[in-house]
N, C-alpha and C. Protein backbone atom coordinates (compact mmCIF):
# COMPACT_ATOMS: atom_id res chain seq x y z
N MET A 1 26.45 -0.33 -24.90
CA MET A 1 26.10 0.88 -25.60
C MET A 1 26.73 2.06 -24.86
N LYS A 2 27.31 2.96 -25.62
CA LYS A 2 27.97 4.11 -25.03
C LYS A 2 27.12 5.36 -25.28
N PHE A 3 26.94 6.17 -24.23
CA PHE A 3 26.18 7.41 -24.34
C PHE A 3 27.13 8.59 -24.14
N ASN A 4 27.00 9.57 -24.96
CA ASN A 4 27.78 10.80 -24.83
C ASN A 4 26.82 11.96 -24.61
N TYR A 5 27.01 12.66 -23.54
CA TYR A 5 26.21 13.85 -23.28
C TYR A 5 27.06 15.07 -23.63
N VAL A 6 26.51 15.89 -24.48
CA VAL A 6 27.25 17.03 -24.98
C VAL A 6 26.52 18.31 -24.59
N GLU A 7 27.26 19.20 -23.97
CA GLU A 7 26.70 20.51 -23.64
C GLU A 7 26.56 21.30 -24.93
N PRO A 8 25.49 22.07 -25.04
CA PRO A 8 25.36 22.88 -26.25
C PRO A 8 26.50 23.89 -26.35
N LYS A 9 26.97 24.10 -27.55
CA LYS A 9 28.06 25.05 -27.76
C LYS A 9 27.48 26.46 -27.74
N ILE A 10 28.04 27.29 -26.91
CA ILE A 10 27.58 28.66 -26.81
C ILE A 10 28.67 29.55 -27.40
N ASP A 11 28.31 30.24 -28.45
CA ASP A 11 29.25 31.16 -29.09
C ASP A 11 29.10 32.54 -28.47
N ILE A 12 30.17 33.02 -27.88
CA ILE A 12 30.18 34.35 -27.29
C ILE A 12 30.91 35.28 -28.24
N THR A 13 30.28 36.39 -28.54
CA THR A 13 30.86 37.37 -29.43
C THR A 13 30.68 38.75 -28.81
N LYS A 14 31.10 39.78 -29.49
CA LYS A 14 30.92 41.14 -28.98
C LYS A 14 29.72 41.78 -29.65
N LEU A 15 29.06 42.64 -28.91
CA LEU A 15 27.87 43.31 -29.40
C LEU A 15 28.13 44.02 -30.72
N ASN A 16 29.29 44.61 -30.85
CA ASN A 16 29.62 45.35 -32.05
C ASN A 16 29.69 44.48 -33.30
N SER A 17 29.84 43.17 -33.13
CA SER A 17 30.01 42.29 -34.29
C SER A 17 28.72 41.62 -34.75
N ILE A 18 27.60 41.87 -34.07
CA ILE A 18 26.33 41.30 -34.52
C ILE A 18 25.53 42.37 -35.26
N GLY A 19 24.58 41.94 -36.05
CA GLY A 19 23.82 42.86 -36.89
C GLY A 19 22.60 43.45 -36.20
N ARG A 20 22.07 44.47 -36.85
CA ARG A 20 20.84 45.13 -36.37
C ARG A 20 19.69 44.14 -36.40
N GLY A 21 18.84 44.20 -35.38
CA GLY A 21 17.67 43.34 -35.31
C GLY A 21 17.92 41.96 -34.74
N ILE A 22 19.13 41.68 -34.32
CA ILE A 22 19.49 40.37 -33.76
C ILE A 22 19.09 40.32 -32.29
N LEU A 23 18.47 39.22 -31.89
CA LEU A 23 18.10 38.99 -30.50
C LEU A 23 19.30 38.37 -29.78
N PHE A 24 19.65 38.93 -28.62
CA PHE A 24 20.83 38.45 -27.90
C PHE A 24 20.62 38.66 -26.40
N ARG A 25 21.54 38.07 -25.65
CA ARG A 25 21.60 38.33 -24.21
C ARG A 25 23.06 38.54 -23.85
N PRO A 26 23.33 39.43 -22.88
CA PRO A 26 24.71 39.56 -22.41
C PRO A 26 25.19 38.22 -21.85
N ALA A 27 26.47 37.94 -21.98
CA ALA A 27 27.02 36.64 -21.57
C ALA A 27 26.80 36.35 -20.09
N ASN A 28 26.71 37.37 -19.27
CA ASN A 28 26.54 37.15 -17.83
C ASN A 28 25.15 37.56 -17.35
N SER A 29 24.16 37.47 -18.23
CA SER A 29 22.80 37.85 -17.86
C SER A 29 21.79 37.04 -18.67
N LEU A 30 20.57 36.98 -18.18
CA LEU A 30 19.49 36.33 -18.93
C LEU A 30 18.56 37.36 -19.58
N ASP A 31 18.87 38.65 -19.43
CA ASP A 31 18.07 39.71 -20.05
C ASP A 31 18.21 39.63 -21.56
N LEU A 32 17.08 39.75 -22.27
CA LEU A 32 17.08 39.67 -23.73
C LEU A 32 16.95 41.05 -24.34
N TYR A 33 17.71 41.29 -25.40
CA TYR A 33 17.72 42.57 -26.09
C TYR A 33 17.70 42.35 -27.60
N VAL A 34 17.26 43.39 -28.31
CA VAL A 34 17.39 43.46 -29.76
C VAL A 34 18.30 44.64 -30.06
N LYS A 35 19.27 44.41 -30.90
CA LYS A 35 20.22 45.47 -31.24
C LYS A 35 19.62 46.40 -32.29
N THR A 36 19.82 47.70 -32.11
CA THR A 36 19.45 48.67 -33.14
C THR A 36 20.72 49.10 -33.87
N ASP A 37 20.56 49.94 -34.87
CA ASP A 37 21.74 50.43 -35.58
C ASP A 37 22.15 51.83 -35.10
N MET A 38 21.66 52.24 -33.93
CA MET A 38 21.97 53.56 -33.40
C MET A 38 22.99 53.45 -32.27
N THR A 39 23.81 54.48 -32.15
CA THR A 39 24.75 54.57 -31.04
C THR A 39 24.41 55.82 -30.24
N GLY A 40 25.08 55.96 -29.12
CA GLY A 40 24.81 57.08 -28.23
C GLY A 40 25.12 58.44 -28.82
N ASP A 41 25.90 58.49 -29.89
CA ASP A 41 26.20 59.79 -30.48
C ASP A 41 25.36 60.11 -31.71
N ASP A 42 24.34 59.32 -31.99
CA ASP A 42 23.43 59.64 -33.09
C ASP A 42 22.66 60.92 -32.76
N ASN A 43 22.26 61.63 -33.79
CA ASN A 43 21.59 62.92 -33.61
C ASN A 43 20.39 62.87 -32.68
N ILE A 44 19.68 61.78 -32.68
CA ILE A 44 18.48 61.68 -31.85
C ILE A 44 18.82 61.74 -30.35
N PHE A 45 20.04 61.39 -29.97
CA PHE A 45 20.43 61.35 -28.57
C PHE A 45 21.34 62.50 -28.15
N THR A 46 21.82 63.31 -29.08
CA THR A 46 22.82 64.31 -28.73
C THR A 46 22.30 65.37 -27.78
N ASP A 47 21.00 65.69 -27.83
CA ASP A 47 20.44 66.69 -26.91
C ASP A 47 20.42 66.19 -25.47
N CYS A 48 20.43 64.88 -25.29
CA CYS A 48 20.34 64.33 -23.93
C CYS A 48 21.55 63.45 -23.61
N GLU A 49 22.69 63.76 -24.19
CA GLU A 49 23.87 62.92 -24.00
C GLU A 49 24.25 62.79 -22.52
N SER A 50 23.99 63.82 -21.75
CA SER A 50 24.32 63.75 -20.33
C SER A 50 23.46 62.73 -19.59
N ARG A 51 22.33 62.33 -20.16
CA ARG A 51 21.45 61.34 -19.53
C ARG A 51 21.71 59.91 -20.00
N LEU A 52 22.67 59.72 -20.88
CA LEU A 52 22.93 58.37 -21.38
C LEU A 52 23.24 57.40 -20.26
N LEU A 53 23.94 57.86 -19.24
CA LEU A 53 24.27 56.97 -18.12
C LEU A 53 23.02 56.48 -17.40
N ASP A 54 21.93 57.23 -17.44
CA ASP A 54 20.68 56.79 -16.82
C ASP A 54 20.14 55.53 -17.48
N PHE A 55 20.52 55.31 -18.74
CA PHE A 55 20.01 54.18 -19.51
C PHE A 55 21.12 53.19 -19.88
N TYR A 56 22.27 53.33 -19.23
CA TYR A 56 23.42 52.48 -19.51
C TYR A 56 23.37 51.23 -18.63
N GLU A 57 23.39 50.06 -19.26
CA GLU A 57 23.45 48.79 -18.55
C GLU A 57 24.88 48.28 -18.67
N ASN A 58 25.60 48.27 -17.57
CA ASN A 58 27.01 47.88 -17.60
C ASN A 58 27.15 46.40 -17.22
N TYR A 59 27.09 45.54 -18.23
CA TYR A 59 27.25 44.10 -18.02
C TYR A 59 28.71 43.70 -18.04
N THR A 60 29.59 44.63 -18.34
CA THR A 60 31.02 44.34 -18.39
C THR A 60 31.73 45.38 -17.53
N ASP A 61 33.02 45.27 -17.49
CA ASP A 61 33.81 46.27 -16.77
C ASP A 61 34.27 47.39 -17.70
N ASN A 62 33.66 47.47 -18.86
CA ASN A 62 34.06 48.49 -19.84
C ASN A 62 33.37 49.81 -19.51
N ASP A 63 34.16 50.82 -19.24
CA ASP A 63 33.62 52.16 -19.11
C ASP A 63 33.69 52.79 -20.49
N TYR A 64 32.71 53.62 -20.78
CA TYR A 64 32.75 54.21 -22.10
C TYR A 64 33.46 55.55 -22.06
N GLU A 65 34.20 55.81 -23.13
CA GLU A 65 34.95 57.05 -23.24
C GLU A 65 34.16 58.10 -24.01
N CYS A 66 33.35 57.65 -24.95
CA CYS A 66 32.52 58.57 -25.72
C CYS A 66 31.19 57.89 -26.02
N ALA A 67 30.22 58.69 -26.41
CA ALA A 67 28.89 58.17 -26.66
C ALA A 67 28.88 57.15 -27.80
N ASN A 68 29.86 57.21 -28.68
CA ASN A 68 29.95 56.26 -29.78
C ASN A 68 30.22 54.84 -29.29
N ASP A 69 30.72 54.69 -28.07
CA ASP A 69 30.97 53.36 -27.49
C ASP A 69 29.68 52.66 -27.08
N LEU A 70 28.57 53.39 -27.02
CA LEU A 70 27.30 52.84 -26.55
C LEU A 70 26.38 52.51 -27.72
N VAL A 71 25.80 51.31 -27.67
CA VAL A 71 24.88 50.86 -28.71
C VAL A 71 23.48 50.84 -28.11
N ALA A 72 22.53 51.44 -28.82
CA ALA A 72 21.15 51.45 -28.37
C ALA A 72 20.51 50.09 -28.63
N CYS A 73 19.93 49.51 -27.58
CA CYS A 73 19.28 48.20 -27.67
C CYS A 73 17.92 48.29 -27.00
N VAL A 74 17.00 47.45 -27.44
CA VAL A 74 15.66 47.44 -26.86
C VAL A 74 15.52 46.20 -26.00
N CYS A 75 15.12 46.41 -24.74
CA CYS A 75 14.88 45.30 -23.82
C CYS A 75 13.58 44.61 -24.21
N ILE A 76 13.63 43.31 -24.42
CA ILE A 76 12.46 42.56 -24.85
C ILE A 76 11.40 42.49 -23.75
N GLU A 77 11.81 42.42 -22.51
CA GLU A 77 10.87 42.25 -21.40
C GLU A 77 9.95 43.44 -21.22
N ASP A 78 10.51 44.66 -21.28
CA ASP A 78 9.66 45.82 -21.00
C ASP A 78 9.66 46.88 -22.11
N GLY A 79 10.40 46.65 -23.19
CA GLY A 79 10.39 47.56 -24.33
C GLY A 79 11.18 48.84 -24.14
N THR A 80 11.96 48.94 -23.07
CA THR A 80 12.72 50.16 -22.84
C THR A 80 13.99 50.18 -23.67
N LEU A 81 14.45 51.37 -23.93
CA LEU A 81 15.70 51.57 -24.65
C LEU A 81 16.84 51.57 -23.64
N ARG A 82 17.85 50.79 -23.89
CA ARG A 82 19.02 50.70 -23.03
C ARG A 82 20.26 50.83 -23.89
N PHE A 83 21.33 51.31 -23.28
CA PHE A 83 22.61 51.44 -23.98
C PHE A 83 23.58 50.44 -23.38
N LEU A 84 24.18 49.63 -24.24
CA LEU A 84 25.19 48.66 -23.82
C LEU A 84 26.50 49.00 -24.52
N HIS A 85 27.59 48.71 -23.84
CA HIS A 85 28.91 48.99 -24.41
C HIS A 85 29.11 48.12 -25.66
N ARG A 86 29.70 48.69 -26.67
CA ARG A 86 29.88 47.97 -27.94
C ARG A 86 30.76 46.74 -27.80
N ASN A 87 31.60 46.67 -26.75
CA ASN A 87 32.46 45.51 -26.51
C ASN A 87 31.85 44.53 -25.52
N CYS A 88 30.61 44.72 -25.18
CA CYS A 88 29.91 43.80 -24.27
C CYS A 88 29.89 42.40 -24.90
N ARG A 89 30.25 41.40 -24.11
CA ARG A 89 30.22 40.01 -24.59
C ARG A 89 28.78 39.52 -24.60
N VAL A 90 28.32 39.03 -25.75
CA VAL A 90 26.92 38.64 -25.90
C VAL A 90 26.80 37.25 -26.51
N ILE A 91 25.63 36.66 -26.31
CA ILE A 91 25.28 35.37 -26.88
C ILE A 91 24.06 35.58 -27.76
N VAL A 92 24.17 35.26 -29.03
CA VAL A 92 23.03 35.36 -29.94
C VAL A 92 22.06 34.23 -29.58
N VAL A 93 20.80 34.58 -29.45
CA VAL A 93 19.78 33.64 -28.99
C VAL A 93 19.04 33.03 -30.17
N ASN A 94 18.92 31.71 -30.17
CA ASN A 94 18.08 31.04 -31.16
C ASN A 94 16.63 31.21 -30.73
N TYR A 95 15.80 31.63 -31.63
CA TYR A 95 14.41 31.86 -31.29
C TYR A 95 13.53 31.61 -32.50
N GLU A 96 12.24 31.49 -32.21
CA GLU A 96 11.25 31.31 -33.27
C GLU A 96 10.08 32.20 -32.94
N LEU A 97 9.63 32.98 -33.90
CA LEU A 97 8.50 33.88 -33.71
C LEU A 97 7.31 33.29 -34.44
N ASN A 98 6.23 33.05 -33.70
CA ASN A 98 5.00 32.52 -34.29
C ASN A 98 3.97 33.62 -34.27
N VAL A 99 3.40 33.91 -35.42
CA VAL A 99 2.36 34.93 -35.53
C VAL A 99 1.05 34.23 -35.82
N GLU A 100 0.11 34.35 -34.89
CA GLU A 100 -1.19 33.72 -35.08
C GLU A 100 -2.14 34.69 -35.76
N GLY A 101 -3.03 34.14 -36.55
CA GLY A 101 -4.05 34.95 -37.18
C GLY A 101 -3.65 35.54 -38.53
N ALA A 102 -2.39 35.37 -38.91
CA ALA A 102 -1.95 35.88 -40.21
C ALA A 102 -2.33 34.86 -41.28
N GLU A 103 -2.92 35.35 -42.34
CA GLU A 103 -3.30 34.45 -43.43
C GLU A 103 -2.66 34.87 -44.71
């Protein structure tokens, strides 16, 4: 009998190519995020654009040239808003959400 062990296929894509509400992790990290549809240059952030770097998580060597390069994401672990570069390499995470008590 022959046994074949196969590593799971991990599809790496760029943050900019996944949709809003998708759970993902950067390719070189185990931190989990949910992507929003906002970027660093949206009106809600323009008053504090100089503080964007305080919330920038640089998982790649990509420096941003303008606030539009940054995508607002929510960290699943602590609920904080973080900005990741739109070209950040990410892995979409398979997950299942169970809601108890819903009838």
